[in-house]
PDB file of N, CA and C in Angstrom:
ATOM      1  N   MET A   1      51.790  40.787  41.033  1.00  0.00           N
ATOM      2  CA  MET A   1      50.368  41.003  41.345  1.00  0.00           C
ATOM      3  C   MET A   1      50.355  39.542  42.567  1.00  0.00           C
ATOM      4  N   ASN A   2      49.657  40.181  43.679  1.00  0.00           N
ATOM      5  CA  ASN A   2      49.429  39.274  44.602  1.00  0.00           C
ATOM      6  C   ASN A   2      49.121  38.093  44.437  1.00  0.00           C
ATOM      7  N   THR A   3      48.753  36.934  44.634  1.00  0.00           N
ATOM      8  CA  THR A   3      48.767  35.688  44.988  1.00  0.00           C
ATOM      9  C   THR A   3      47.700  35.102  46.237  1.00  0.00           C
ATOM     10  N   LEU A   4      47.153  34.061  45.604  1.00  0.00           N
ATOM     11  CA  LEU A   4      46.403  33.658  46.914  1.00  0.00           C
ATOM     12  C   LEU A   4      47.532  33.598  47.724  1.00  0.00           C
ATOM     13  N   LEU A   5      48.895  32.950  47.304  1.00  0.00           N
ATOM     14  CA  LEU A   5      49.743  31.543  47.906  1.00  0.00           C
ATOM     15  C   LEU A   5      50.129  32.795  48.916  1.00  0.00           C
ATOM     16  N   GLN A   6      50.740  34.026  48.028  1.00  0.00           N
ATOM     17  CA  GLN A   6      51.155  35.185  49.281  1.00  0.00           C
ATOM     18  C   GLN A   6      50.330  35.243  50.397  1.00  0.00           C
ATOM     19  N   ALA A   7      48.690  35.887  49.901  1.00  0.00           N
ATOM     20  CA  ALA A   7      48.606  36.060  51.223  1.00  0.00           C
ATOM     21  C   ALA A   7      47.808  34.544  52.412  1.00  0.00           C
ATOM     22  N   LEU A   8      48.235  34.003  52.007  1.00  0.00           N
ATOM     23  CA  LEU A   8      47.877  33.081  52.720  1.00  0.00           C
ATOM     24  C   LEU A   8      49.175  32.920  53.378  1.00  0.00           C
ATOM     25  N   GLN A   9      50.115  32.786  53.170  1.00  0.00           N
ATOM     26  CA  GLN A   9      51.556  32.756  53.640  1.00  0.00           C
ATOM     27  C   GLN A   9      51.777  34.303  54.641  1.00  0.00           C
ATOM     28  N   SER A  10      50.830  35.230  54.166  1.00  0.00           N
ATOM     29  CA  SER A  10      51.063  35.603  55.498  1.00  0.00           C
ATOM     30  C   SER A  10      50.235  35.448  56.657  1.00  0.00           C
ATOM     31  N   PHE A  11      48.757  35.038  56.039  1.00  0.00           N
ATOM     32  CA  PHE A  11      47.658  34.419  57.134  1.00  0.00           C
ATOM     33  C   PHE A  11      48.811  33.457  57.990  1.00  0.00           C
ATOM     34  N   VAL A  12      49.234  32.650  57.459  1.00  0.00           N
ATOM     35  CA  VAL A  12      49.709  31.743  58.553  1.00  0.00           C
ATOM     36  C   VAL A  12      50.758  31.852  59.472  1.00  0.00           C
ATOM     37  N   ALA A  13      51.448  33.151  58.774  1.00  0.00           N
ATOM     38  CA  ALA A  13      52.407  33.483  59.746  1.00  0.00           C
ATOM     39  C   ALA A  13      51.796  34.226  60.891  1.00  0.00           C
ATOM     40  N   VAL A  14      50.798  35.257  60.677  1.00  0.00           N
ATOM     41  CA  VAL A  14      49.908  35.763  61.709  1.00  0.00           C
ATOM     42  C   VAL A  14      49.306  34.596  62.580  1.00  0.00           C
ATOM     43  N   TYR A  15      49.082  33.759  61.962  1.00  0.00           N
ATOM     44  CA  TYR A  15      48.033  32.169  62.604  1.00  0.00           C
ATOM     45  C   TYR A  15      49.452  31.710  64.195  1.00  0.00           C
ATOM     46  N   HIS A  16      50.480  31.441  62.856  1.00  0.00           N
ATOM     47  CA  HIS A  16      51.430  31.066  64.358  1.00  0.00           C
ATOM     48  C   HIS A  16      52.371  32.106  64.739  1.00  0.00           C
ATOM     49  N   ALA A  17      51.952  33.428  64.720  1.00  0.00           N
ATOM     50  CA  ALA A  17      52.176  34.486  66.263  1.00  0.00           C
ATOM     51  C   ALA A  17      51.656  34.516  67.313  1.00  0.00           C
ATOM     52  N   ALA A  18      50.344  33.940  67.081  1.00  0.00           N
ATOM     53  CA  ALA A  18      49.424  33.796  67.773  1.00  0.00           C
ATOM     54  C   ALA A  18      49.575  32.417  68.658  1.00  0.00           C
ATOM     55  N   THR A  19      50.181  32.468  69.715  1.00  0.00           N
ATOM     56  CA  THR A  19      50.870  31.079  70.229  1.00  0.00           C
ATOM     57  C   THR A  19      50.039  30.290  70.577  1.00  0.00           C
ATOM     58  N   ASP A  20      49.088  31.198  71.549  1.00  0.00           N
ATOM     59  CA  ASP A  20      47.496  30.569  72.322  1.00  0.00           C
ATOM     60  C   ASP A  20      46.614  29.671  71.522  1.00  0.00           C
ATOM     61  N   LEU A  21      46.916  30.359  70.292  1.00  0.00           N
ATOM     62  CA  LEU A  21      46.071  29.924  69.032  1.00  0.00           C
ATOM     63  C   LEU A  21      46.258  28.732  68.952  1.00  0.00           C
ATOM     64  N   VAL A  22      47.421  28.677  68.058  1.00  0.00           N
ATOM     65  CA  VAL A  22      48.547  27.704  67.718  1.00  0.00           C
ATOM     66  C   VAL A  22      48.134  26.550  68.833  1.00  0.00           C
ATOM     67  N   THR A  23      48.503  26.831  70.026  1.00  0.00           N
ATOM     68  CA  THR A  23      48.450  25.367  71.099  1.00  0.00           C
ATOM     69  C   THR A  23      47.180  25.391  71.429  1.00  0.00           C
ATOM     70  N   ALA A  24      45.973  25.567  71.435  1.00  0.00           N
ATOM     71  CA  ALA A  24      44.845  25.057  71.355  1.00  0.00           C
ATOM     72  C   ALA A  24      44.333  24.450  70.332  1.00  0.00           C
ATOM     73  N   GLN A  25      44.694  24.545  69.344  1.00  0.00           N
ATOM     74  CA  GLN A  25      44.573  23.534  67.919  1.00  0.00           C
ATOM     75  C   GLN A  25      45.628  22.113  68.027  1.00  0.00           C
ATOM     76  N   ASN A  26      46.653  22.313  68.923  1.00  0.00           N
ATOM     77  CA  ASN A  26      47.165  20.905  69.619  1.00  0.00           C
ATOM     78  C   ASN A  26      46.067  19.524  68.962  1.00  0.00           C
ATOM     79  N   GLY A  27      46.827  18.459  67.984  1.00  0.00           N
ATOM     80  CA  GLY A  27      46.158  17.245  67.905  1.00  0.00           C
ATOM     81  C   GLY A  27      45.226  17.706  66.396  1.00  0.00           C
ATOM     82  N   TRP A  28      44.825  18.793  65.849  1.00  0.00           N
ATOM     83  CA  TRP A  28      44.540  18.843  64.906  1.00  0.00           C
ATOM     84  C   TRP A  28      45.019  18.427  63.610  1.00  0.00           C
ATOM     85  N   ASN A  29      44.996  17.689  62.894  1.00  0.00           N
ATOM     86  CA  ASN A  29      45.397  16.850  61.580  1.00  0.00           C
ATOM     87  C   ASN A  29      44.659  17.099  60.600  1.00  0.00           C
ATOM     88  N   CYS A  30      44.951  18.061  59.452  1.00  0.00           N
ATOM     89  CA  CYS A  30      43.684  18.724  58.574  1.00  0.00           C
ATOM     90  C   CYS A  30      44.725  18.788  56.923  1.00  0.00           C
ATOM     91  N   THR A  31      44.031  18.305  55.943  1.00  0.00           N
ATOM     92  CA  THR A  31      45.066  18.885  54.942  1.00  0.00           C
ATOM     93  C   THR A  31      43.614  19.787  54.027  1.00  0.00           C
ATOM     94  N   ILE A  32      43.947  21.031  53.974  1.00  0.00           N
ATOM     95  CA  ILE A  32      42.764  22.168  53.022  1.00  0.00           C
ATOM     96  C   ILE A  32      43.100  22.381  51.870  1.00  0.00           C
ATOM     97  N   ALA A  33      42.357  23.140  50.842  1.00  0.00           N
ATOM     98  CA  ALA A  33      42.428  23.159  50.151  1.00  0.00           C
ATOM     99  C   ALA A  33      41.628  24.776  49.059  1.00  0.00           C
ATOM    100  N   LEU A  34      42.558  25.685  49.019  1.00  0.00           N
ATOM    101  CA  LEU A  34      41.496  26.571  48.664  1.00  0.00           C
ATOM    102  C   LEU A  34      41.650  26.555  47.103  1.00  0.00           C
ATOM    103  N   VAL A  35      40.241  27.237  46.765  1.00  0.00           N
ATOM    104  CA  VAL A  35      40.342  27.455  45.292  1.00  0.00           C
ATOM    105  C   VAL A  35      39.213  28.226  44.707  1.00  0.00           C
ATOM    106  N   ALA A  36      40.028  28.916  43.725  1.00  0.00           N
ATOM    107  CA  ALA A  36      39.174  30.010  43.548  1.00  0.00           C
ATOM    108  C   ALA A  36      38.845  30.279  42.036  1.00  0.00           C
ATOM    109  N   THR A  37      37.408  29.908  42.403  1.00  0.00           N
ATOM    110  CA  THR A  37      36.451  29.275  41.491  1.00  0.00           C
ATOM    111  C   THR A  37      36.927  30.528  40.170  1.00  0.00           C
ATOM    112  N   ASP A  38      36.962  31.721  39.929  1.00  0.00           N
ATOM    113  CA  ASP A  38      37.284  32.531  39.184  1.00  0.00           C
ATOM    114  C   ASP A  38      38.014  32.255  37.938  1.00  0.00           C
ATOM    115  N   SER A  39      39.406  32.025  38.988  1.00  0.00           N
ATOM    116  CA  SER A  39      40.608  32.125  38.286  1.00  0.00           C
ATOM    117  C   SER A  39      41.488  30.939  38.080  1.00  0.00           C
ATOM    118  N   ASN A  40      40.318  29.873  38.996  1.00  0.00           N
ATOM    119  CA  ASN A  40      40.939  28.328  39.017  1.00  0.00           C
ATOM    120  C   ASN A  40      42.697  28.435  39.947  1.00  0.00           C
ATOM    121  N   GLU A  41      42.531  29.631  40.588  1.00  0.00           N
ATOM    122  CA  GLU A  41      43.520  29.417  41.293  1.00  0.00           C
ATOM    123  C   GLU A  41      43.551  28.522  42.497  1.00  0.00           C
ATOM    124  N   ALA A  42      45.009  27.441  42.961  1.00  0.00           N
ATOM    125  CA  ALA A  42      44.308  26.603  43.865  1.00  0.00           C
ATOM    126  C   ALA A  42      45.287  26.101  45.077  1.00  0.00           C
ATOM    127  N   ILE A  43      45.337  26.206  46.216  1.00  0.00           N
ATOM    128  CA  ILE A  43      46.522  25.916  46.546  1.00  0.00           C
ATOM    129  C   ILE A  43      45.807  25.112  47.931  1.00  0.00           C
ATOM    130  N   ALA A  44      47.452  23.955  48.703  1.00  0.00           N
ATOM    131  CA  ALA A  44      47.300  23.417  49.785  1.00  0.00           C
ATOM    132  C   ALA A  44      47.875  23.611  50.737  1.00  0.00           C
ATOM    133  N   LEU A  45      47.222  23.082  52.109  1.00  0.00           N
ATOM    134  CA  LEU A  45      47.967  23.362  53.189  1.00  0.00           C
ATOM    135  C   LEU A  45      47.696  22.254  53.766  1.00  0.00           C
ATOM    136  N   GLN A  46      48.803  21.714  54.215  1.00  0.00           N
ATOM    137  CA  GLN A  46      48.158  20.547  55.509  1.00  0.00           C
ATOM    138  C   GLN A  46      49.105  21.036  56.765  1.00  0.00           C
ATOM    139  N   ILE A  47      48.420  20.928  57.701  1.00  0.00           N
ATOM    140  CA  ILE A  47      48.471  20.754  59.078  1.00  0.00           C
ATOM    141  C   ILE A  47      48.171  19.869  59.961  1.00  0.00           C
ATOM    142  N   GLU A  48      49.659  19.989  60.732  1.00  0.00           N
ATOM    143  CA  GLU A  48      50.034  18.679  62.202  1.00  0.00           C
ATOM    144  C   GLU A  48      49.938  19.562  63.059  1.00  0.00           C
ATOM    145  N   ASP A  49      49.285  18.476  63.558  1.00  0.00           N
ATOM    146  CA  ASP A  49      49.479  18.745  65.426  1.00  0.00           C
ATOM    147  C   ASP A  49      48.965  20.353  65.729  1.00  0.00           C
ATOM    148  N   GLY A  50      48.031  20.858  64.588  1.00  0.00           N
ATOM    149  CA  GLY A  50      47.641  22.568  64.838  1.00  0.00           C
ATOM    150  C   GLY A  50      48.321  23.750  64.519  1.00  0.00           C
ATOM    151  N   ARG A  51      49.982  22.777  63.507  1.00  0.00           N
ATOM    152  CA  ARG A  51      50.645  24.420  63.274  1.00  0.00           C
ATOM    153  C   ARG A  51      51.068  23.518  61.292  1.00  0.00           C
ATOM    154  N   VAL A  52      50.703  24.855  61.116  1.00  0.00           N
ATOM    155  CA  VAL A  52      50.992  24.631  59.361  1.00  0.00           C
ATOM    156  C   VAL A  52      52.116  24.203  58.974  1.00  0.00           C
ATOM    157  N   VAL A  53      52.332  23.008  58.202  1.00  0.00           N
ATOM    158  CA  VAL A  53      53.624  22.329  57.983  1.00  0.00           C
ATOM    159  C   VAL A  53      54.005  22.226  56.616  1.00  0.00           C
ATOM    160  N   HIS A  54      53.086  22.759  55.489  1.00  0.00           N
ATOM    161  CA  HIS A  54      52.927  22.806  54.080  1.00  0.00           C
ATOM    162  C   HIS A  54      52.244  23.720  53.209  1.00  0.00           C
ATOM    163  N   LEU A  55      52.585  24.651  52.371  1.00  0.00           N
ATOM    164  CA  LEU A  55      51.934  25.543  51.669  1.00  0.00           C
ATOM    165  C   LEU A  55      52.229  25.362  50.166  1.00  0.00           C
ATOM    166  N   GLY A  56      50.954  25.820  49.261  1.00  0.00           N
ATOM    167  CA  GLY A  56      51.832  25.412  48.016  1.00  0.00           C
ATOM    168  C   GLY A  56      51.076  24.229  47.568  1.00  0.00           C
ATOM    169  N   GLY A  57      51.286  24.140  45.734  1.00  0.00           N
ATOM    170  CA  GLY A  57      50.869  22.814  45.251  1.00  0.00           C
ATOM    171  C   GLY A  57      49.633  22.493  44.492  1.00  0.00           C
ATOM    172  N   GLN A  58      49.029  21.880  44.191  1.00  0.00           N
ATOM    173  CA  GLN A  58      47.857  21.481  43.846  1.00  0.00           C
ATOM    174  C   GLN A  58      47.351  20.540  44.828  1.00  0.00           C
ATOM    175  N   PRO A  59      45.804  21.130  44.824  1.00  0.00           N
ATOM    176  CA  PRO A  59      45.667  20.023  45.847  1.00  0.00           C
ATOM    177  C   PRO A  59      45.115  18.780  45.780  1.00  0.00           C
ATOM    178  N   GLU A  60      45.301  17.758  46.270  1.00  0.00           N
ATOM    179  CA  GLU A  60      45.221  16.435  45.733  1.00  0.00           C
ATOM    180  C   GLU A  60      44.229  15.880  47.059  1.00  0.00           C
ATOM    181  N   ALA A  61      44.465  14.817  47.447  1.00  0.00           N
ATOM    182  CA  ALA A  61      43.691  14.335  49.177  1.00  0.00           C
ATOM    183  C   ALA A  61      43.291  15.370  49.769  1.00  0.00           C
ATOM    184  N   VAL A  62      42.612  15.619  50.332  1.00  0.00           N
ATOM    185  CA  VAL A  62      41.888  17.178  51.277  1.00  0.00           C
ATOM    186  C   VAL A  62      40.750  16.665  51.919  1.00  0.00           C
ATOM    187  N   ASP A  63      41.002  16.861  53.648  1.00  0.00           N
ATOM    188  CA  ASP A  63      39.680  16.993  54.004  1.00  0.00           C
ATOM    189  C   ASP A  63      38.876  18.170  54.509  1.00  0.00           C
ATOM    190  N   LEU A  64      39.577  19.328  53.725  1.00  0.00           N
ATOM    191  CA  LEU A  64      38.520  19.980  54.059  1.00  0.00           C
ATOM    192  C   LEU A  64      39.120  21.031  52.207  1.00  0.00           C
ATOM    193  N   LEU A  65      37.717  21.223  51.632  1.00  0.00           N
ATOM    194  CA  LEU A  65      37.433  21.617  50.354  1.00  0.00           C
ATOM    195  C   LEU A  65      36.815  23.309  50.508  1.00  0.00           C
ATOM    196  N   ILE A  66      37.475  24.245  50.266  1.00  0.00           N
ATOM    197  CA  ILE A  66      37.107  25.749  50.462  1.00  0.00           C
ATOM    198  C   ILE A  66      36.907  26.019  48.760  1.00  0.00           C
ATOM    199  N   ARG A  67      35.701  26.894  48.356  1.00  0.00           N
ATOM    200  CA  ARG A  67      35.797  27.568  47.387  1.00  0.00           C
ATOM    201  C   ARG A  67      35.338  28.844  47.474  1.00  0.00           C
ATOM    202  N   SER A  68      35.440  30.159  46.433  1.00  0.00           N
ATOM    203  CA  SER A  68      35.008  30.997  46.332  1.00  0.00           C
ATOM    204  C   SER A  68      36.202  31.670  45.352  1.00  0.00           C
ATOM    205  N   ASP A  69      35.246  33.033  45.035  1.00  0.00           N
ATOM    206  CA  ASP A  69      35.857  33.831  44.147  1.00  0.00           C
ATOM    207  C   ASP A  69      36.886  34.332  44.569  1.00  0.00           C
ATOM    208  N   TRP A  70      38.472  34.764  44.063  1.00  0.00           N
ATOM    209  CA  TRP A  70      39.078  34.914  44.507  1.00  0.00           C
ATOM    210  C   TRP A  70      39.345  35.784  45.060  1.00  0.00           C
ATOM    211  N   ALA A  71      38.634  37.182  44.945  1.00  0.00           N
ATOM    212  CA  ALA A  71      38.994  38.300  45.512  1.00  0.00           C
ATOM    213  C   ALA A  71      38.268  38.186  47.441  1.00  0.00           C
ATOM    214  N   THR A  72      36.875  37.374  47.092  1.00  0.00           N
ATOM    215  CA  THR A  72      36.690  36.935  48.533  1.00  0.00           C
ATOM    216  C   THR A  72      37.708  35.870  49.223  1.00  0.00           C
ATOM    217  N   LEU A  73      38.549  35.120  48.752  1.00  0.00           N
ATOM    218  CA  LEU A  73      39.406  34.303  49.000  1.00  0.00           C
ATOM    219  C   LEU A  73      40.638  34.923  50.040  1.00  0.00           C
ATOM    220  N   TYR A  74      40.978  35.870  48.612  1.00  0.00           N
ATOM    221  CA  TYR A  74      42.134  37.226  48.751  1.00  0.00           C
ATOM    222  C   TYR A  74      41.601  38.021  49.945  1.00  0.00           C
ATOM    223  N   ASP A  75      40.487  38.428  50.501  1.00  0.00           N
ATOM    224  CA  ASP A  75      39.519  39.450  51.621  1.00  0.00           C
ATOM    225  C   ASP A  75      39.699  38.844  52.796  1.00  0.00           C
ATOM    226  N   ILE A  76      39.908  37.520  53.007  1.00  0.00           N
ATOM    227  CA  ILE A  76      39.799  36.877  54.274  1.00  0.00           C
ATOM    228  C   ILE A  76      40.727  36.436  54.562  1.00  0.00           C
ATOM    229  N   LEU A  77      41.900  35.934  53.357  1.00  0.00           N
ATOM    230  CA  LEU A  77      43.263  35.675  54.118  1.00  0.00           C
ATOM    231  C   LEU A  77      44.214  37.103  54.304  1.00  0.00           C
ATOM    232  N   THR A  78      43.792  37.955  53.895  1.00  0.00           N
ATOM    233  CA  THR A  78      43.877  39.249  54.666  1.00  0.00           C
ATOM    234  C   THR A  78      43.529  40.492  55.147  1.00  0.00           C
ATOM    235  N   PHE A  79      42.667  39.806  56.346  1.00  0.00           N
ATOM    236  CA  PHE A  79      41.811  39.792  56.885  1.00  0.00           C
ATOM    237  C   PHE A  79      40.959  41.223  56.803  1.00  0.00           C
ATOM    238  N   GLN A  80      40.503  41.256  55.575  1.00  0.00           N
ATOM    239  CA  GLN A  80      40.045  42.621  55.277  1.00  0.00           C
ATOM    240  C   GLN A  80      38.540  42.243  55.179  1.00  0.00           C
ATOM    241  N   ARG A  81      38.138  41.135  55.494  1.00  0.00           N
ATOM    242  CA  ARG A  81      36.689  40.284  55.485  1.00  0.00           C
ATOM    243  C   ARG A  81      36.250  38.947  56.631  1.00  0.00           C
ATOM    244  N   ASP A  82      36.047  38.946  57.181  1.00  0.00           N
ATOM    245  CA  ASP A  82      35.271  37.716  57.716  1.00  0.00           C
ATOM    246  C   ASP A  82      34.833  36.668  57.184  1.00  0.00           C
ATOM    247  N   PRO A  83      35.305  35.513  57.599  1.00  0.00           N
ATOM    248  CA  PRO A  83      34.866  34.562  56.682  1.00  0.00           C
ATOM    249  C   PRO A  83      33.123  34.151  56.737  1.00  0.00           C
ATOM    250  N   ASN A  84      32.626  34.475  57.831  1.00  0.00           N
ATOM    251  CA  ASN A  84      31.260  34.156  57.832  1.00  0.00           C
ATOM    252  C   ASN A  84      29.866  34.726  57.238  1.00  0.00           C
ATOM    253  N   GLU A  85      30.245  35.817  57.053  1.00  0.00           N
ATOM    254  CA  GLU A  85      29.558  36.606  55.693  1.00  0.00           C
ATOM    255  C   GLU A  85      29.335  35.891  54.777  1.00  0.00           C
ATOM    256  N   PRO A  86      30.606  35.895  53.636  1.00  0.00           N
ATOM    257  CA  PRO A  86      30.401  35.052  52.280  1.00  0.00           C
ATOM    258  C   PRO A  86      30.294  34.008  52.797  1.00  0.00           C
ATOM    259  N   TYR A  87      30.022  32.392  53.488  1.00  0.00           N
ATOM    260  CA  TYR A  87      29.584  31.540  54.048  1.00  0.00           C
ATOM    261  C   TYR A  87      28.251  31.744  54.335  1.00  0.00           C
ATOM    262  N   LEU A  88      27.504  32.322  54.545  1.00  0.00           N
ATOM    263  CA  LEU A  88      26.109  32.508  54.858  1.00  0.00           C
ATOM    264  C   LEU A  88      25.491  32.796  53.975  1.00  0.00           C
ATOM    265  N   PHE A  89      26.093  33.822  52.777  1.00  0.00           N
ATOM    266  CA  PHE A  89      25.235  34.091  51.920  1.00  0.00           C
ATOM    267  C   PHE A  89      25.710  33.430  51.133  1.00  0.00           C
ATOM    268  N   GLY A  90      26.193  32.197  50.898  1.00  0.00           N
ATOM    269  CA  GLY A  90      26.702  31.450  49.699  1.00  0.00           C
ATOM    270  C   GLY A  90      27.887  31.453  48.846  1.00  0.00           C
ATOM    271  N   GLU A  91      28.796  32.537  49.010  1.00  0.00           N
ATOM    272  CA  GLU A  91      29.792  33.053  48.220  1.00  0.00           C
ATOM    273  C   GLU A  91      30.981  32.264  48.341  1.00  0.00           C
ATOM    274  N   LEU A  92      31.024  31.616  49.700  1.00  0.00           N
ATOM    275  CA  LEU A  92      32.031  30.549  50.390  1.00  0.00           C
ATOM    276  C   LEU A  92      31.580  29.191  50.394  1.00  0.00           C
ATOM    277  N   THR A  93      31.970  28.518  49.813  1.00  0.00           N
ATOM    278  CA  THR A  93      31.453  27.237  49.973  1.00  0.00           C
ATOM    279  C   THR A  93      32.751  26.069  51.028  1.00  0.00           C
ATOM    280  N   VAL A  94      31.845  25.220  51.789  1.00  0.00           N
ATOM    281  CA  VAL A  94      33.268  24.269  52.439  1.00  0.00           C
ATOM    282  C   VAL A  94      32.428  22.915  52.182  1.00  0.00           C
ATOM    283  N   GLN A  95      33.635  22.194  51.955  1.00  0.00           N
ATOM    284  CA  GLN A  95      33.612  20.533  52.012  1.00  0.00           C
ATOM    285  C   GLN A  95      33.849  19.920  52.412  1.00  0.00           C
ATOM    286  N   GLY A  96      33.515  19.158  53.554  1.00  0.00           N
ATOM    287  CA  GLY A  96      34.465  18.049  54.635  1.00  0.00           C
ATOM    288  C   GLY A  96      33.138  17.641  55.785  1.00  0.00           C
ATOM    289  N   PRO A  97      34.156  17.429  56.996  1.00  0.00           N
ATOM    290  CA  PRO A  97      33.829  16.957  57.935  1.00  0.00           C
ATOM    291  C   PRO A  97      33.682  18.640  58.596  1.00  0.00           C
ATOM    292  N   GLU A  98      32.318  18.393  59.515  1.00  0.00           N
ATOM    293  CA  GLU A  98      32.180  19.288  60.072  1.00  0.00           C
ATOM    294  C   GLU A  98      33.178  19.629  61.125  1.00  0.00           C
ATOM    295  N   GLU A  99      33.926  18.970  62.084  1.00  0.00           N
ATOM    296  CA  GLU A  99      35.244  19.248  63.215  1.00  0.00           C
ATOM    297  C   GLU A  99      36.105  20.236  62.255  1.00  0.00           C
ATOM    298  N   HIS A 100      36.405  19.687  61.055  1.00  0.00           N
ATOM    299  CA  HIS A 100      37.818  20.658  60.458  1.00  0.00           C
ATOM    300  C   HIS A 100      36.554  22.240  60.502  1.00  0.00           C
ATOM    301  N   PHE A 101      35.808  22.207  59.703  1.00  0.00           N
ATOM    302  CA  PHE A 101      35.372  23.494  59.375  1.00  0.00           C
ATOM    303  C   PHE A 101      35.150  24.358  60.663  1.00  0.00           C
ATOM    304  N   LEU A 102      34.409  23.575  61.523  1.00  0.00           N
ATOM    305  CA  LEU A 102      34.287  24.657  62.842  1.00  0.00           C
ATOM    306  C   LEU A 102      35.599  25.424  63.153  1.00  0.00           C
ATOM    307  N   ARG A 103      36.585  24.494  63.546  1.00  0.00           N
ATOM    308  CA  ARG A 103      37.949  24.757  63.808  1.00  0.00           C
ATOM    309  C   ARG A 103      38.607  25.940  62.807  1.00  0.00           C
ATOM    310  N   LEU A 104      38.481  25.750  61.649  1.00  0.00           N
ATOM    311  CA  LEU A 104      39.276  26.109  61.230  1.00  0.00           C
ATOM    312  C   LEU A 104      38.477  27.869  61.004  1.00  0.00           C
ATOM    313  N   ASP A 105      36.933  27.934  61.403  1.00  0.00           N
ATOM    314  CA  ASP A 105      36.138  28.887  61.009  1.00  0.00           C
ATOM    315  C   ASP A 105      36.627  29.926  62.635  1.00  0.00           C
ATOM    316  N   TYR A 106      36.766  28.920  63.553  1.00  0.00           N
ATOM    317  CA  TYR A 106      36.955  29.831  65.127  1.00  0.00           C
ATOM    318  C   TYR A 106      38.137  30.551  64.890  1.00  0.00           C
ATOM    319  N   ILE A 107      39.310  30.085  64.127  1.00  0.00           N
ATOM    320  CA  ILE A 107      40.693  30.226  63.583  1.00  0.00           C
ATOM    321  C   ILE A 107      40.679  31.380  62.974  1.00  0.00           C
ATOM    322  N   ALA A 108      39.909  31.864  61.676  1.00  0.00           N
ATOM    323  CA  ALA A 108      39.933  32.512  60.924  1.00  0.00           C
ATOM    324  C   ALA A 108      39.115  34.144  61.825  1.00  0.00           C
ATOM    325  N   THR A 109      37.652  33.688  62.495  1.00  0.00           N
ATOM    326  CA  THR A 109      37.699  34.314  63.350  1.00  0.00           C
ATOM    327  C   THR A 109      37.961  35.301  64.421  1.00  0.00           C
ATOM    328  N   MET A 110      38.836  34.324  65.322  1.00  0.00           N
ATOM    329  CA  MET A 110      39.903  34.770  65.840  1.00  0.00           C
ATOM    330  C   MET A 110      41.165  35.903  65.354  1.00  0.00           C
ATOM    331  N   LEU A 111      41.647  35.227  64.405  1.00  0.00           N
ATOM    332  CA  LEU A 111      42.554  36.469  63.827  1.00  0.00           C
ATOM    333  C   LEU A 111      42.287  37.566  63.306  1.00  0.00           C
ATOM    334  N   CYS A 112      40.829  37.710  62.952  1.00  0.00           N
ATOM    335  CA  CYS A 112      40.182  39.152  62.323  1.00  0.00           C
ATOM    336  C   CYS A 112      40.035  39.568  63.453  1.00  0.00           C
ATOM    337  N   ALA A 113      39.828  38.934  64.282  1.00  0.00           N
ATOM    338  CA  ALA A 113      39.682  40.249  65.949  1.00  0.00           C
ATOM    339  C   ALA A 113      40.943  40.532  66.324  1.00  0.00           C
ATOM    340  N   LEU A 114      41.979  40.616  65.957  1.00  0.00           N
ATOM    341  CA  LEU A 114      43.063  40.873  66.554  1.00  0.00           C
ATOM    342  C   LEU A 114      43.458  41.838  66.180  1.00  0.00           C
TER     343      LEU A 114
END
């Protein structure tokens, strides 16, 4: 069975391979939680200086909380769906400072375009 953690691991691998994109994120430090509202699967990822340094575990104190149904999160993490549409239609919600949200949105959008 595919899990969000597996999809996130693949997403991070693609992100880290996009070295120019990673370099552009220097100085960004953020803890993000992804929560599937229908399956209660939750994953945390920690970003330090623009690189993901930790994945997994139950999210505790986070800077950015992203919630959606499992299929939407999975489709975004596997580049089958751009995050903008589900966000605009309320299928995906984000809580946290706008600076973190805008940066993550930029990264996801750029990776979807690859």
